[in-house]
Amino acid sequence: MKFPYRKIVVNPNIKEPCKIEDAYMVYPTNFTDWITLPFSATDMDDVLTYREPSKEPTDPTDYEAWKNYYLTRKAKIKPSGEIYAIISGRWKTDYYVTVKWLERNGIKFRALYLVGNQHEKPSLSKAKKIKELGIKLYLESDYQDALEISKNCPETVVLALETTQFIHQGKVLDKKLVMEV
């Protein structure tokens, strides 16, 4: 799929769509639309699913308990189109459980990357994949992770869902940013 616009306009101050010639307008409340476009990606937990810390297994090595926990979580959002990329801090061993959950909840996706590992923080693993794929917009649930990702991915604007703030190069955007695509 080719991106039909020449520019991306990120504007944290608007709440409703508006038309700008040959530009795609991105604002906090339309993220379910823009995560389906070919330059964007989303996190999994606390974005697509509700995270329920009180129900999380206490034993990190109990795979069956974690599998059941992942499979029984409720969907938080359901985009109408196909998500371009999901980049999650989950471990690769959770791939089939994650795919099963996405299918059960009717969430279509083009690519799924589970980048969690024991050697680095999930935000750094996500940042590497975001950079590798050339992602321009990323939706992250956690504000601190969003800051860290944005510092490591200078070409990417990150929406921290926790605070509904756009972050670019480690700074919260308070005015619009125009990016050539």
N, C-alpha and C. Protein backbone atom coordinates (compact mmCIF):
# COMPACT_ATOMS: atom_id res chain seq x y z
N MET A 1 0.84 -1.18 0.00
CA MET A 1 0.00 0.00 0.00
C MET A 1 0.89 1.25 0.00
N LYS A 2 0.61 2.16 -0.88
CA LYS A 2 1.39 3.40 -0.97
C LYS A 2 0.68 4.48 -0.15
N PHE A 3 1.46 5.26 0.56
CA PHE A 3 0.89 6.35 1.35
C PHE A 3 0.40 7.44 0.40
N PRO A 4 -0.89 7.82 0.46
CA PRO A 4 -1.46 8.73 -0.53
C PRO A 4 -1.17 10.22 -0.32
N TYR A 5 -0.42 10.55 0.70
CA TYR A 5 -0.15 11.97 0.98
C TYR A 5 1.35 12.24 0.93
N ARG A 6 1.72 13.50 0.73
CA ARG A 6 3.13 13.86 0.70
C ARG A 6 3.64 14.24 2.09
N LYS A 7 2.74 14.66 2.96
CA LYS A 7 3.16 15.15 4.28
C LYS A 7 2.30 14.54 5.37
N ILE A 8 2.88 14.47 6.56
CA ILE A 8 2.14 14.11 7.76
C ILE A 8 2.16 15.36 8.63
N VAL A 9 1.00 15.80 9.07
CA VAL A 9 0.92 16.94 9.97
C VAL A 9 0.47 16.41 11.33
N VAL A 10 1.34 16.56 12.33
CA VAL A 10 1.03 16.13 13.69
C VAL A 10 0.63 17.38 14.47
N ASN A 11 -0.60 17.37 14.97
CA ASN A 11 -1.09 18.54 15.69
C ASN A 11 -1.78 18.11 16.99
N PRO A 12 -1.09 18.29 18.11
CA PRO A 12 -1.67 17.86 19.39
C PRO A 12 -2.83 18.72 19.88
N ASN A 13 -3.06 19.87 19.23
CA ASN A 13 -4.05 20.81 19.73
C ASN A 13 -5.44 20.65 19.14
N ILE A 14 -5.58 19.89 18.04
CA ILE A 14 -6.91 19.78 17.45
C ILE A 14 -7.60 18.51 17.92
N LYS A 15 -8.90 18.56 17.98
CA LYS A 15 -9.68 17.43 18.46
C LYS A 15 -10.53 16.81 17.35
N GLU A 16 -10.72 17.51 16.25
CA GLU A 16 -11.55 17.04 15.15
C GLU A 16 -10.75 17.04 13.86
N PRO A 17 -11.13 16.17 12.92
CA PRO A 17 -10.42 16.15 11.64
C PRO A 17 -10.58 17.46 10.88
N CYS A 18 -9.59 17.82 10.12
CA CYS A 18 -9.70 18.95 9.22
C CYS A 18 -8.91 18.63 7.96
N LYS A 19 -9.28 19.21 6.87
CA LYS A 19 -8.66 18.89 5.59
C LYS A 19 -7.50 19.84 5.32
N ILE A 20 -6.38 19.25 4.99
CA ILE A 20 -5.22 20.02 4.57
C ILE A 20 -4.76 19.40 3.27
N GLU A 21 -4.54 20.22 2.27
CA GLU A 21 -4.19 19.71 0.95
C GLU A 21 -2.96 18.80 1.00
N ASP A 22 -3.03 17.67 0.41
CA ASP A 22 -2.01 16.62 0.27
C ASP A 22 -1.26 16.27 1.57
N ALA A 23 -1.92 16.43 2.71
CA ALA A 23 -1.31 16.07 3.99
C ALA A 23 -2.28 15.23 4.80
N TYR A 24 -1.74 14.30 5.58
CA TYR A 24 -2.55 13.50 6.49
C TYR A 24 -2.44 14.12 7.88
N MET A 25 -3.57 14.50 8.45
CA MET A 25 -3.58 15.15 9.76
C MET A 25 -3.64 14.10 10.86
N VAL A 26 -2.70 14.16 11.79
CA VAL A 26 -2.65 13.24 12.92
C VAL A 26 -2.88 14.04 14.19
N TYR A 27 -3.80 13.55 15.01
CA TYR A 27 -4.08 14.19 16.28
C TYR A 27 -4.44 13.09 17.28
N PRO A 28 -4.40 13.35 18.57
CA PRO A 28 -4.50 12.27 19.56
C PRO A 28 -5.73 11.38 19.44
N THR A 29 -6.88 11.90 19.08
CA THR A 29 -8.08 11.08 19.10
C THR A 29 -8.30 10.26 17.83
N ASN A 30 -7.46 10.40 16.80
CA ASN A 30 -7.68 9.59 15.60
C ASN A 30 -6.67 8.47 15.45
N PHE A 31 -6.04 8.04 16.55
CA PHE A 31 -4.99 7.03 16.43
C PHE A 31 -5.51 5.70 15.91
N THR A 32 -6.78 5.37 16.12
CA THR A 32 -7.28 4.10 15.57
C THR A 32 -7.33 4.13 14.06
N ASP A 33 -7.35 5.32 13.46
CA ASP A 33 -7.25 5.45 12.00
C ASP A 33 -5.80 5.37 11.54
N TRP A 34 -4.93 6.14 12.19
CA TRP A 34 -3.57 6.22 11.63
C TRP A 34 -2.70 5.01 11.90
N ILE A 35 -3.05 4.13 12.84
CA ILE A 35 -2.22 2.93 13.03
C ILE A 35 -2.42 1.91 11.90
N THR A 36 -3.38 2.18 11.01
CA THR A 36 -3.58 1.29 9.86
C THR A 36 -2.81 1.77 8.64
N LEU A 37 -2.18 2.92 8.70
CA LEU A 37 -1.45 3.46 7.55
C LEU A 37 -0.03 2.89 7.48
N PRO A 38 0.55 2.84 6.28
CA PRO A 38 1.81 2.11 6.08
C PRO A 38 3.07 2.71 6.69
N PHE A 39 2.99 3.77 7.40
CA PHE A 39 4.17 4.35 8.03
C PHE A 39 4.08 4.28 9.55
N SER A 40 3.06 3.60 10.06
CA SER A 40 2.80 3.66 11.50
C SER A 40 2.79 2.28 12.14
N ALA A 41 2.90 2.28 13.47
CA ALA A 41 2.90 1.03 14.23
C ALA A 41 2.34 1.31 15.62
N THR A 42 2.01 0.22 16.32
CA THR A 42 1.46 0.35 17.65
C THR A 42 2.06 -0.70 18.58
N ASP A 43 2.04 -0.37 19.85
CA ASP A 43 2.37 -1.31 20.91
C ASP A 43 1.15 -2.24 21.08
N MET A 44 1.30 -3.29 21.83
CA MET A 44 0.22 -4.25 22.04
C MET A 44 -0.50 -4.02 23.37
N ASP A 45 0.23 -4.22 24.47
CA ASP A 45 -0.37 -4.20 25.80
C ASP A 45 -0.67 -2.77 26.26
N ASP A 46 -1.87 -2.58 26.76
CA ASP A 46 -2.40 -1.28 27.19
C ASP A 46 -2.72 -0.35 26.03
N VAL A 47 -2.61 -0.87 24.80
CA VAL A 47 -3.06 -0.12 23.62
C VAL A 47 -4.19 -0.93 22.97
N LEU A 48 -3.86 -2.11 22.48
CA LEU A 48 -4.87 -2.97 21.89
C LEU A 48 -5.61 -3.78 22.95
N THR A 49 -4.94 -4.08 24.04
CA THR A 49 -5.54 -4.86 25.13
C THR A 49 -5.56 -4.05 26.42
N TYR A 50 -6.47 -4.42 27.29
CA TYR A 50 -6.45 -3.86 28.65
C TYR A 50 -5.47 -4.68 29.47
N ARG A 51 -4.56 -4.01 30.12
CA ARG A 51 -3.62 -4.69 31.01
C ARG A 51 -4.27 -4.73 32.39
N GLU A 52 -4.27 -5.88 33.00
CA GLU A 52 -4.89 -6.05 34.31
C GLU A 52 -3.85 -6.57 35.30
N PRO A 53 -3.06 -5.65 35.90
CA PRO A 53 -1.99 -6.07 36.80
C PRO A 53 -2.44 -7.00 37.93
N SER A 54 -3.65 -6.83 38.42
CA SER A 54 -4.12 -7.68 39.52
C SER A 54 -4.32 -9.13 39.10
N LYS A 55 -4.44 -9.37 37.79
CA LYS A 55 -4.65 -10.74 37.29
C LYS A 55 -3.37 -11.35 36.71
N GLU A 56 -2.28 -10.57 36.69
CA GLU A 56 -1.03 -11.09 36.14
C GLU A 56 -0.48 -12.23 37.00
N PRO A 57 0.02 -13.29 36.37
CA PRO A 57 0.63 -14.37 37.15
C PRO A 57 1.84 -13.86 37.94
N THR A 58 2.04 -14.42 39.11
CA THR A 58 3.15 -13.98 39.96
C THR A 58 4.47 -14.65 39.58
N ASP A 59 4.39 -15.82 38.98
CA ASP A 59 5.59 -16.56 38.59
C ASP A 59 5.93 -16.25 37.12
N PRO A 60 7.03 -15.53 36.87
CA PRO A 60 7.36 -15.18 35.49
C PRO A 60 7.71 -16.39 34.61
N THR A 61 7.97 -17.54 35.22
CA THR A 61 8.33 -18.73 34.45
C THR A 61 7.14 -19.66 34.18
N ASP A 62 5.97 -19.32 34.69
CA ASP A 62 4.78 -20.15 34.51
C ASP A 62 4.12 -19.80 33.17
N TYR A 63 4.59 -20.46 32.11
CA TYR A 63 4.13 -20.13 30.76
C TYR A 63 2.62 -20.35 30.60
N GLU A 64 2.09 -21.42 31.13
CA GLU A 64 0.65 -21.70 30.99
C GLU A 64 -0.20 -20.60 31.62
N ALA A 65 0.21 -20.14 32.79
CA ALA A 65 -0.53 -19.07 33.47
C ALA A 65 -0.49 -17.79 32.64
N TRP A 66 0.69 -17.47 32.09
CA TRP A 66 0.81 -16.27 31.25
C TRP A 66 0.01 -16.41 29.97
N LYS A 67 0.01 -17.60 29.38
CA LYS A 67 -0.75 -17.86 28.16
C LYS A 67 -2.24 -17.61 28.42
N ASN A 68 -2.75 -18.15 29.52
CA ASN A 68 -4.17 -17.94 29.86
C ASN A 68 -4.46 -16.48 30.15
N TYR A 69 -3.54 -15.81 30.82
CA TYR A 69 -3.71 -14.38 31.11
C TYR A 69 -3.81 -13.58 29.81
N TYR A 70 -2.89 -13.83 28.87
CA TYR A 70 -2.91 -13.11 27.59
C TYR A 70 -4.19 -13.39 26.81
N LEU A 71 -4.63 -14.64 26.80
CA LEU A 71 -5.78 -15.01 25.98
C LEU A 71 -7.11 -14.49 26.52
N THR A 72 -7.19 -14.22 27.81
CA THR A 72 -8.47 -13.80 28.39
C THR A 72 -8.61 -12.28 28.52
N ARG A 73 -7.59 -11.53 28.13
CA ARG A 73 -7.69 -10.07 28.23
C ARG A 73 -8.68 -9.52 27.21
N LYS A 74 -9.30 -8.42 27.56
CA LYS A 74 -10.29 -7.79 26.68
C LYS A 74 -9.61 -6.81 25.72
N ALA A 75 -10.22 -6.64 24.55
CA ALA A 75 -9.72 -5.67 23.57
C ALA A 75 -10.05 -4.26 24.04
N LYS A 76 -9.09 -3.37 23.89
CA LYS A 76 -9.28 -1.97 24.27
C LYS A 76 -9.78 -1.17 23.07
N ILE A 77 -9.20 -1.41 21.92
CA ILE A 77 -9.63 -0.76 20.68
C ILE A 77 -9.71 -1.81 19.59
N LYS A 78 -10.46 -1.50 18.54
CA LYS A 78 -10.56 -2.40 17.41
C LYS A 78 -10.56 -1.54 16.14
N PRO A 79 -9.39 -1.35 15.53
CA PRO A 79 -9.32 -0.54 14.32
C PRO A 79 -10.17 -1.15 13.20
N SER A 80 -10.74 -0.29 12.36
CA SER A 80 -11.60 -0.78 11.28
C SER A 80 -10.78 -1.40 10.15
N GLY A 81 -9.54 -0.98 9.99
CA GLY A 81 -8.69 -1.53 8.93
C GLY A 81 -7.60 -2.42 9.48
N GLU A 82 -6.68 -2.77 8.61
CA GLU A 82 -5.55 -3.64 8.98
C GLU A 82 -4.42 -2.80 9.58
N ILE A 83 -3.96 -3.18 10.76
CA ILE A 83 -2.84 -2.48 11.40
C ILE A 83 -1.58 -2.78 10.60
N TYR A 84 -0.82 -1.73 10.30
CA TYR A 84 0.39 -1.90 9.50
C TYR A 84 1.43 -2.74 10.24
N ALA A 85 1.72 -2.38 11.50
CA ALA A 85 2.70 -3.15 12.28
C ALA A 85 2.40 -3.04 13.77
N ILE A 86 2.54 -4.16 14.45
CA ILE A 86 2.46 -4.20 15.90
C ILE A 86 3.86 -4.54 16.38
N ILE A 87 4.42 -3.66 17.22
CA ILE A 87 5.75 -3.86 17.77
C ILE A 87 5.59 -3.90 19.29
N SER A 88 5.77 -5.08 19.85
CA SER A 88 5.49 -5.28 21.27
C SER A 88 6.74 -5.73 22.02
N GLY A 89 6.78 -5.41 23.30
CA GLY A 89 7.86 -5.85 24.18
C GLY A 89 7.65 -7.28 24.67
N ARG A 90 6.59 -7.94 24.19
CA ARG A 90 6.39 -9.35 24.56
C ARG A 90 7.53 -10.19 23.97
N TRP A 91 7.75 -11.35 24.58
CA TRP A 91 8.80 -12.26 24.12
C TRP A 91 8.33 -13.05 22.91
N LYS A 92 9.27 -13.49 22.10
CA LYS A 92 8.96 -14.28 20.89
C LYS A 92 8.18 -15.56 21.22
N THR A 93 8.39 -16.10 22.41
CA THR A 93 7.67 -17.32 22.81
C THR A 93 6.16 -17.07 22.92
N ASP A 94 5.74 -15.81 22.98
CA ASP A 94 4.32 -15.46 23.08
C ASP A 94 3.68 -15.20 21.71
N TYR A 95 4.41 -15.50 20.64
CA TYR A 95 3.93 -15.17 19.29
C TYR A 95 2.58 -15.82 18.99
N TYR A 96 2.46 -17.13 19.14
CA TYR A 96 1.23 -17.83 18.76
C TYR A 96 0.06 -17.45 19.66
N VAL A 97 0.31 -17.21 20.92
CA VAL A 97 -0.74 -16.76 21.84
C VAL A 97 -1.22 -15.38 21.42
N THR A 98 -0.29 -14.52 21.04
CA THR A 98 -0.63 -13.16 20.62
C THR A 98 -1.45 -13.19 19.34
N VAL A 99 -1.02 -13.98 18.37
CA VAL A 99 -1.76 -14.10 17.11
C VAL A 99 -3.17 -14.64 17.37
N LYS A 100 -3.28 -15.63 18.23
CA LYS A 100 -4.58 -16.21 18.56
C LYS A 100 -5.48 -15.15 19.19
N TRP A 101 -4.95 -14.34 20.11
CA TRP A 101 -5.74 -13.28 20.74
C TRP A 101 -6.20 -12.26 19.69
N LEU A 102 -5.29 -11.84 18.80
CA LEU A 102 -5.65 -10.87 17.76
C LEU A 102 -6.76 -11.43 16.87
N GLU A 103 -6.63 -12.68 16.47
CA GLU A 103 -7.66 -13.31 15.63
C GLU A 103 -9.00 -13.42 16.36
N ARG A 104 -8.98 -13.83 17.62
CA ARG A 104 -10.21 -13.94 18.42
C ARG A 104 -10.94 -12.63 18.53
N ASN A 105 -10.16 -11.54 18.56
CA ASN A 105 -10.75 -10.21 18.72
C ASN A 105 -10.98 -9.49 17.39
N GLY A 106 -10.76 -10.19 16.29
CA GLY A 106 -11.04 -9.62 14.97
C GLY A 106 -10.13 -8.47 14.58
N ILE A 107 -8.92 -8.46 15.13
CA ILE A 107 -7.97 -7.38 14.81
C ILE A 107 -7.04 -7.88 13.71
N LYS A 108 -7.11 -7.19 12.56
CA LYS A 108 -6.28 -7.56 11.42
C LYS A 108 -4.95 -6.80 11.50
N PHE A 109 -3.88 -7.47 11.08
CA PHE A 109 -2.57 -6.83 11.11
C PHE A 109 -1.72 -7.37 9.97
N ARG A 110 -0.81 -6.54 9.53
CA ARG A 110 0.09 -6.93 8.45
C ARG A 110 1.35 -7.60 9.01
N ALA A 111 1.88 -7.05 10.10
CA ALA A 111 3.12 -7.58 10.67
C ALA A 111 3.06 -7.51 12.19
N LEU A 112 3.65 -8.53 12.82
CA LEU A 112 3.71 -8.59 14.28
C LEU A 112 5.16 -8.87 14.68
N TYR A 113 5.72 -7.98 15.49
CA TYR A 113 7.09 -8.14 15.97
C TYR A 113 7.08 -8.17 17.49
N LEU A 114 7.50 -9.29 18.05
CA LEU A 114 7.65 -9.41 19.50
C LEU A 114 9.14 -9.33 19.79
N VAL A 115 9.55 -8.24 20.40
CA VAL A 115 10.99 -7.93 20.51
C VAL A 115 11.54 -8.02 21.92
N GLY A 116 10.73 -8.47 22.88
CA GLY A 116 11.20 -8.58 24.26
C GLY A 116 12.32 -9.59 24.40
N ASN A 117 13.27 -9.29 25.25
CA ASN A 117 14.36 -10.22 25.54
C ASN A 117 14.95 -9.87 26.91
N GLN A 118 15.81 -10.71 27.42
CA GLN A 118 16.36 -10.50 28.76
C GLN A 118 17.57 -9.57 28.78
N HIS A 119 18.03 -9.13 27.62
CA HIS A 119 19.27 -8.35 27.56
C HIS A 119 19.08 -6.84 27.55
N GLU A 120 17.88 -6.36 27.23
CA GLU A 120 17.67 -4.92 27.21
C GLU A 120 16.22 -4.57 27.55
N LYS A 121 16.02 -3.31 27.88
CA LYS A 121 14.68 -2.84 28.21
C LYS A 121 13.79 -2.95 26.98
N PRO A 122 12.49 -3.26 27.17
CA PRO A 122 11.58 -3.37 26.02
C PRO A 122 11.55 -2.11 25.15
N SER A 123 11.65 -0.93 25.77
CA SER A 123 11.59 0.30 24.97
C SER A 123 12.78 0.39 24.01
N LEU A 124 13.95 -0.11 24.40
CA LEU A 124 15.11 -0.08 23.50
C LEU A 124 14.96 -1.10 22.38
N SER A 125 14.41 -2.28 22.70
CA SER A 125 14.15 -3.29 21.67
C SER A 125 13.13 -2.77 20.66
N LYS A 126 12.09 -2.10 21.16
CA LYS A 126 11.08 -1.53 20.27
C LYS A 126 11.70 -0.45 19.39
N ALA A 127 12.52 0.41 20.00
CA ALA A 127 13.15 1.49 19.24
C ALA A 127 13.99 0.95 18.08
N LYS A 128 14.72 -0.12 18.32
CA LYS A 128 15.53 -0.72 17.25
C LYS A 128 14.66 -1.17 16.08
N LYS A 129 13.54 -1.83 16.38
CA LYS A 129 12.65 -2.33 15.33
C LYS A 129 11.96 -1.16 14.61
N ILE A 130 11.55 -0.15 15.36
CA ILE A 130 10.91 1.04 14.78
C ILE A 130 11.85 1.71 13.78
N LYS A 131 13.10 1.85 14.19
CA LYS A 131 14.12 2.45 13.32
C LYS A 131 14.35 1.60 12.07
N GLU A 132 14.49 0.30 12.28
CA GLU A 132 14.74 -0.64 11.18
C GLU A 132 13.62 -0.58 10.13
N LEU A 133 12.37 -0.46 10.59
CA LEU A 133 11.23 -0.45 9.68
C LEU A 133 10.92 0.93 9.10
N GLY A 134 11.57 1.98 9.62
CA GLY A 134 11.31 3.33 9.13
C GLY A 134 9.94 3.86 9.54
N ILE A 135 9.49 3.48 10.72
CA ILE A 135 8.17 3.90 11.22
C ILE A 135 8.20 5.40 11.52
N LYS A 136 7.15 6.11 11.07
CA LYS A 136 7.06 7.57 11.29
C LYS A 136 6.21 7.91 12.51
N LEU A 137 5.19 7.09 12.79
CA LEU A 137 4.30 7.32 13.93
C LEU A 137 4.18 6.03 14.72
N TYR A 138 4.34 6.14 16.03
CA TYR A 138 4.24 4.95 16.89
C TYR A 138 3.36 5.26 18.08
N LEU A 139 2.49 4.35 18.40
CA LEU A 139 1.59 4.49 19.55
C LEU A 139 2.10 3.62 20.68
N GLU A 140 2.46 4.25 21.79
CA GLU A 140 3.03 3.57 22.96
C GLU A 140 2.15 3.85 24.17
N SER A 141 1.90 2.84 24.98
CA SER A 141 1.03 3.02 26.15
C SER A 141 1.71 3.82 27.26
N ASP A 142 2.98 3.59 27.49
CA ASP A 142 3.69 4.14 28.65
C ASP A 142 4.44 5.43 28.30
N TYR A 143 4.25 6.46 29.10
CA TYR A 143 4.87 7.76 28.82
C TYR A 143 6.41 7.68 28.85
N GLN A 144 6.98 7.05 29.87
CA GLN A 144 8.45 6.96 29.96
C GLN A 144 9.04 6.18 28.79
N ASP A 145 8.38 5.09 28.40
CA ASP A 145 8.84 4.32 27.24
C ASP A 145 8.73 5.16 25.97
N ALA A 146 7.65 5.94 25.85
CA ALA A 146 7.48 6.81 24.68
C ALA A 146 8.62 7.82 24.58
N LEU A 147 9.00 8.40 25.72
CA LEU A 147 10.13 9.34 25.74
C LEU A 147 11.41 8.67 25.26
N GLU A 148 11.68 7.50 25.79
CA GLU A 148 12.90 6.77 25.45
C GLU A 148 12.91 6.37 23.97
N ILE A 149 11.79 5.89 23.48
CA ILE A 149 11.70 5.52 22.06
C ILE A 149 11.93 6.74 21.18
N SER A 150 11.31 7.86 21.53
CA SER A 150 11.45 9.07 20.70
C SER A 150 12.89 9.60 20.68
N LYS A 151 13.61 9.42 21.78
CA LYS A 151 15.02 9.85 21.82
C LYS A 151 15.89 8.97 20.93
N ASN A 152 15.53 7.69 20.80
CA ASN A 152 16.31 6.74 20.01
C ASN A 152 15.86 6.66 18.55
N CYS A 153 14.73 7.26 18.24
CA CYS A 153 14.18 7.23 16.87
C CYS A 153 13.84 8.65 16.43
N PRO A 154 14.84 9.42 15.99
CA PRO A 154 14.62 10.83 15.68
C PRO A 154 13.66 11.08 14.52
N GLU A 155 13.40 10.08 13.69
CA GLU A 155 12.48 10.24 12.55
C GLU A 155 11.04 9.86 12.92
N THR A 156 10.80 9.50 14.17
CA THR A 156 9.50 8.98 14.59
C THR A 156 8.83 9.91 15.59
N VAL A 157 7.52 10.11 15.41
CA VAL A 157 6.72 10.81 16.41
C VAL A 157 5.99 9.73 17.19
N VAL A 158 6.04 9.82 18.53
CA VAL A 158 5.43 8.81 19.39
C VAL A 158 4.25 9.45 20.13
N LEU A 159 3.10 8.78 20.09
CA LEU A 159 1.98 9.22 20.90
C LEU A 159 1.98 8.38 22.17
N ALA A 160 2.17 9.05 23.31
CA ALA A 160 2.11 8.37 24.61
C ALA A 160 0.64 8.33 25.00
N LEU A 161 0.04 7.17 24.88
CA LEU A 161 -1.39 7.03 25.14
C LEU A 161 -1.74 7.37 26.58
N GLU A 162 -0.83 7.07 27.50
CA GLU A 162 -1.04 7.34 28.93
C GLU A 162 -1.37 8.82 29.19
N THR A 163 -0.71 9.71 28.43
CA THR A 163 -0.90 11.14 28.63
C THR A 163 -1.51 11.84 27.42
N THR A 164 -1.77 11.10 26.34
CA THR A 164 -2.20 11.62 25.03
C THR A 164 -1.33 12.80 24.57
N GLN A 165 -0.02 12.62 24.71
CA GLN A 165 0.93 13.64 24.24
C GLN A 165 1.78 13.06 23.12
N PHE A 166 2.01 13.89 22.10
CA PHE A 166 2.95 13.53 21.05
C PHE A 166 4.35 13.90 21.50
N ILE A 167 5.31 12.99 21.26
CA ILE A 167 6.69 13.23 21.65
C ILE A 167 7.58 13.02 20.43
N HIS A 168 8.47 13.96 20.20
CA HIS A 168 9.38 13.88 19.06
C HIS A 168 10.78 14.26 19.54
N GLN A 169 11.73 13.38 19.30
CA GLN A 169 13.12 13.59 19.71
C GLN A 169 13.23 13.95 21.20
N GLY A 170 12.44 13.27 22.02
CA GLY A 170 12.51 13.44 23.46
C GLY A 170 11.78 14.64 24.01
N LYS A 171 11.05 15.37 23.15
CA LYS A 171 10.34 16.57 23.61
C LYS A 171 8.85 16.44 23.30
N VAL A 172 8.02 16.88 24.24
CA VAL A 172 6.58 16.88 24.03
C VAL A 172 6.24 17.99 23.05
N LEU A 173 5.46 17.65 22.03
CA LEU A 173 5.06 18.64 21.02
C LEU A 173 3.90 19.47 21.56
N ASP A 174 4.02 20.77 21.48
CA ASP A 174 2.91 21.63 21.88
C ASP A 174 2.37 22.40 20.68
N LYS A 175 2.98 22.20 19.52
CA LYS A 175 2.48 22.80 18.29
C LYS A 175 2.66 21.80 17.17
N LYS A 176 2.13 22.13 16.01
CA LYS A 176 2.14 21.14 14.96
C LYS A 176 3.53 20.90 14.38
N LEU A 177 3.71 19.70 13.89
CA LEU A 177 4.95 19.28 13.26
C LEU A 177 4.59 18.75 11.88
N VAL A 178 5.27 19.22 10.85
CA VAL A 178 5.02 18.75 9.49
C VAL A 178 6.20 17.90 9.07
N MET A 179 5.90 16.68 8.63
CA MET A 179 6.95 15.76 8.19
C MET A 179 6.72 15.39 6.73
N GLU A 180 7.75 15.50 5.89
CA GLU A 180 7.65 15.02 4.52
C GLU A 180 7.75 13.51 4.55
N VAL A 181 6.94 12.82 3.76
CA VAL A 181 6.98 11.36 3.74
C VAL A 181 7.71 10.88 2.50
